[in-house]
Amino acid sequence: MYYEAKHAFLHHGVKFSNVEIDLPAIMSQKDKVVSNLTRGIEGLFKKNKVTYVKGYGKFISPSEISVDTIDGQNTVVKERIS
């Protein structure tokens, strides 16, 4: 966006005398977006009765996933067919 503001906007009649980057504001906006997306996904999981386990997972069979959770435990999640 910085490059666009400095160079390409001129072709559209938009001129800036000074363009600045506010990194803390950028990071704050990013954090808000990530938080909203995460809450949205968690809501969809809950609505569709999907088991949500935070950690690192791997498939151990076509219907099972082994998850090393963030608190150091290991959990096996089996697919439920309804």
C-alpha atoms as a PDB file:
ATOM      1  CA  MET A   1       0.000   0.000   0.000  1.00  0.00           C
ATOM      2  CA  TYR A   2       2.897   2.327   0.723  1.00  0.00           C
ATOM      3  CA  TYR A   3       4.275   1.858  -2.778  1.00  0.00           C
ATOM      4  CA  GLU A   4       0.825   2.394  -4.270  1.00  0.00           C
ATOM      5  CA  ALA A   5       0.337   5.587  -2.276  1.00  0.00           C
ATOM      6  CA  LYS A   6       3.757   6.943  -3.286  1.00  0.00           C
ATOM      7  CA  HIS A   7       3.662   5.966  -6.958  1.00  0.00           C
ATOM      8  CA  ALA A   8       0.451   4.605  -8.469  1.00  0.00           C
ATOM      9  CA  PHE A   9      -2.051   6.983  -6.846  1.00  0.00           C
ATOM     10  CA  LEU A  10      -0.482   9.871  -8.757  1.00  0.00           C
ATOM     11  CA  HIS A  11      -1.940   8.425 -11.983  1.00  0.00           C
ATOM     12  CA  HIS A  12      -5.391   8.758 -10.411  1.00  0.00           C
ATOM     13  CA  GLY A  13      -4.864  12.369  -9.420  1.00  0.00           C
ATOM     14  CA  VAL A  14      -4.118  11.607  -5.750  1.00  0.00           C
ATOM     15  CA  LYS A  15      -0.996  13.298  -4.369  1.00  0.00           C
ATOM     16  CA  PHE A  16       0.608  12.919  -0.955  1.00  0.00           C
ATOM     17  CA  SER A  17       3.308  15.143   0.436  1.00  0.00           C
ATOM     18  CA  ASN A  18       4.142  12.654   3.174  1.00  0.00           C
ATOM     19  CA  VAL A  19       3.284   8.984   3.650  1.00  0.00           C
ATOM     20  CA  GLU A  20       4.067   7.335   6.978  1.00  0.00           C
ATOM     21  CA  ILE A  21       3.755   3.806   8.318  1.00  0.00           C
ATOM     22  CA  ASP A  22       2.345   3.372  11.828  1.00  0.00           C
ATOM     23  CA  LEU A  23       3.505  -0.153  12.687  1.00  0.00           C
ATOM     24  CA  PRO A  24       1.721  -0.371  16.083  1.00  0.00           C
ATOM     25  CA  ALA A  25      -1.578   0.575  14.376  1.00  0.00           C
ATOM     26  CA  ILE A  26      -0.974  -2.008  11.634  1.00  0.00           C
ATOM     27  CA  MET A  27      -0.270  -4.736  14.214  1.00  0.00           C
ATOM     28  CA  SER A  28      -3.343  -3.749  16.249  1.00  0.00           C
ATOM     29  CA  GLN A  29      -5.548  -4.027  13.154  1.00  0.00           C
ATOM     30  CA  LYS A  30      -4.001  -7.410  12.302  1.00  0.00           C
ATOM     31  CA  ASP A  31      -4.658  -8.678  15.840  1.00  0.00           C
ATOM     32  CA  LYS A  32      -8.327  -7.608  15.603  1.00  0.00           C
ATOM     33  CA  VAL A  33      -8.771  -9.398  12.272  1.00  0.00           C
ATOM     34  CA  VAL A  34      -7.136 -12.607  13.528  1.00  0.00           C
ATOM     35  CA  SER A  35      -9.279 -12.534  16.678  1.00  0.00           C
ATOM     36  CA  ASN A  36     -12.509 -12.038  14.718  1.00  0.00           C
ATOM     37  CA  LEU A  37     -11.663 -14.806  12.255  1.00  0.00           C
ATOM     38  CA  THR A  38     -10.744 -17.196  15.059  1.00  0.00           C
ATOM     39  CA  ARG A  39     -13.990 -16.518  16.938  1.00  0.00           C
ATOM     40  CA  GLY A  40     -15.929 -17.031  13.717  1.00  0.00           C
ATOM     41  CA  ILE A  41     -14.311 -20.387  13.072  1.00  0.00           C
ATOM     42  CA  GLU A  42     -14.842 -21.491  16.685  1.00  0.00           C
ATOM     43  CA  GLY A  43     -18.517 -20.526  16.338  1.00  0.00           C
ATOM     44  CA  LEU A  44     -18.880 -22.591  13.180  1.00  0.00           C
ATOM     45  CA  PHE A  45     -17.220 -25.563  14.882  1.00  0.00           C
ATOM     46  CA  LYS A  46     -19.627 -25.324  17.822  1.00  0.00           C
ATOM     47  CA  LYS A  47     -22.675 -24.932  15.567  1.00  0.00           C
ATOM     48  CA  ASN A  48     -21.685 -27.993  13.518  1.00  0.00           C
ATOM     49  CA  LYS A  49     -20.592 -30.076  16.544  1.00  0.00           C
ATOM     50  CA  VAL A  50     -16.961 -30.233  15.426  1.00  0.00           C
ATOM     51  CA  THR A  51     -14.435 -31.146  18.130  1.00  0.00           C
ATOM     52  CA  TYR A  52     -11.972 -28.279  18.528  1.00  0.00           C
ATOM     53  CA  VAL A  53      -8.601 -29.217  20.019  1.00  0.00           C
ATOM     54  CA  LYS A  54      -5.721 -26.704  20.074  1.00  0.00           C
ATOM     55  CA  GLY A  55      -2.352 -28.277  19.326  1.00  0.00           C
ATOM     56  CA  TYR A  56      -0.374 -30.083  16.664  1.00  0.00           C
ATOM     57  CA  GLY A  57      -2.109 -33.000  14.996  1.00  0.00           C
ATOM     58  CA  LYS A  58      -1.422 -35.898  12.684  1.00  0.00           C
ATOM     59  CA  PHE A  59      -3.632 -38.526  11.102  1.00  0.00           C
ATOM     60  CA  ILE A  60      -3.150 -41.981  12.594  1.00  0.00           C
ATOM     61  CA  SER A  61      -5.921 -43.659  10.611  1.00  0.00           C
ATOM     62  CA  PRO A  62      -8.626 -42.555   8.162  1.00  0.00           C
ATOM     63  CA  SER A  63     -10.933 -41.754  11.108  1.00  0.00           C
ATOM     64  CA  GLU A  64      -8.514 -40.744  13.899  1.00  0.00           C
ATOM     65  CA  ILE A  65      -6.248 -37.784  14.594  1.00  0.00           C
ATOM     66  CA  SER A  66      -3.590 -37.699  17.313  1.00  0.00           C
ATOM     67  CA  VAL A  67      -3.156 -34.222  18.803  1.00  0.00           C
ATOM     68  CA  ASP A  68      -0.318 -33.028  21.030  1.00  0.00           C
ATOM     69  CA  THR A  69      -2.135 -30.262  22.879  1.00  0.00           C
ATOM     70  CA  ILE A  70      -0.607 -26.966  23.917  1.00  0.00           C
ATOM     71  CA  ASP A  71      -0.640 -28.088  27.562  1.00  0.00           C
ATOM     72  CA  GLY A  72       1.511 -31.142  26.770  1.00  0.00           C
ATOM     73  CA  GLN A  73      -1.152 -33.831  26.648  1.00  0.00           C
ATOM     74  CA  ASN A  74      -1.834 -36.227  23.804  1.00  0.00           C
ATOM     75  CA  THR A  75      -5.424 -36.659  22.651  1.00  0.00           C
ATOM     76  CA  VAL A  76      -6.846 -39.003  20.025  1.00  0.00           C
ATOM     77  CA  VAL A  77      -9.899 -37.607  18.256  1.00  0.00           C
ATOM     78  CA  LYS A  78     -12.114 -40.051  16.402  1.00  0.00           C
ATOM     79  CA  GLU A  79     -14.389 -39.007  13.575  1.00  0.00           C
ATOM     80  CA  ARG A  80     -18.047 -39.182  14.484  1.00  0.00           C
ATOM     81  CA  ILE A  81     -20.484 -40.120  11.751  1.00  0.00           C
ATOM     82  CA  SER A  82     -24.032 -38.949  12.397  1.00  0.00           C
END
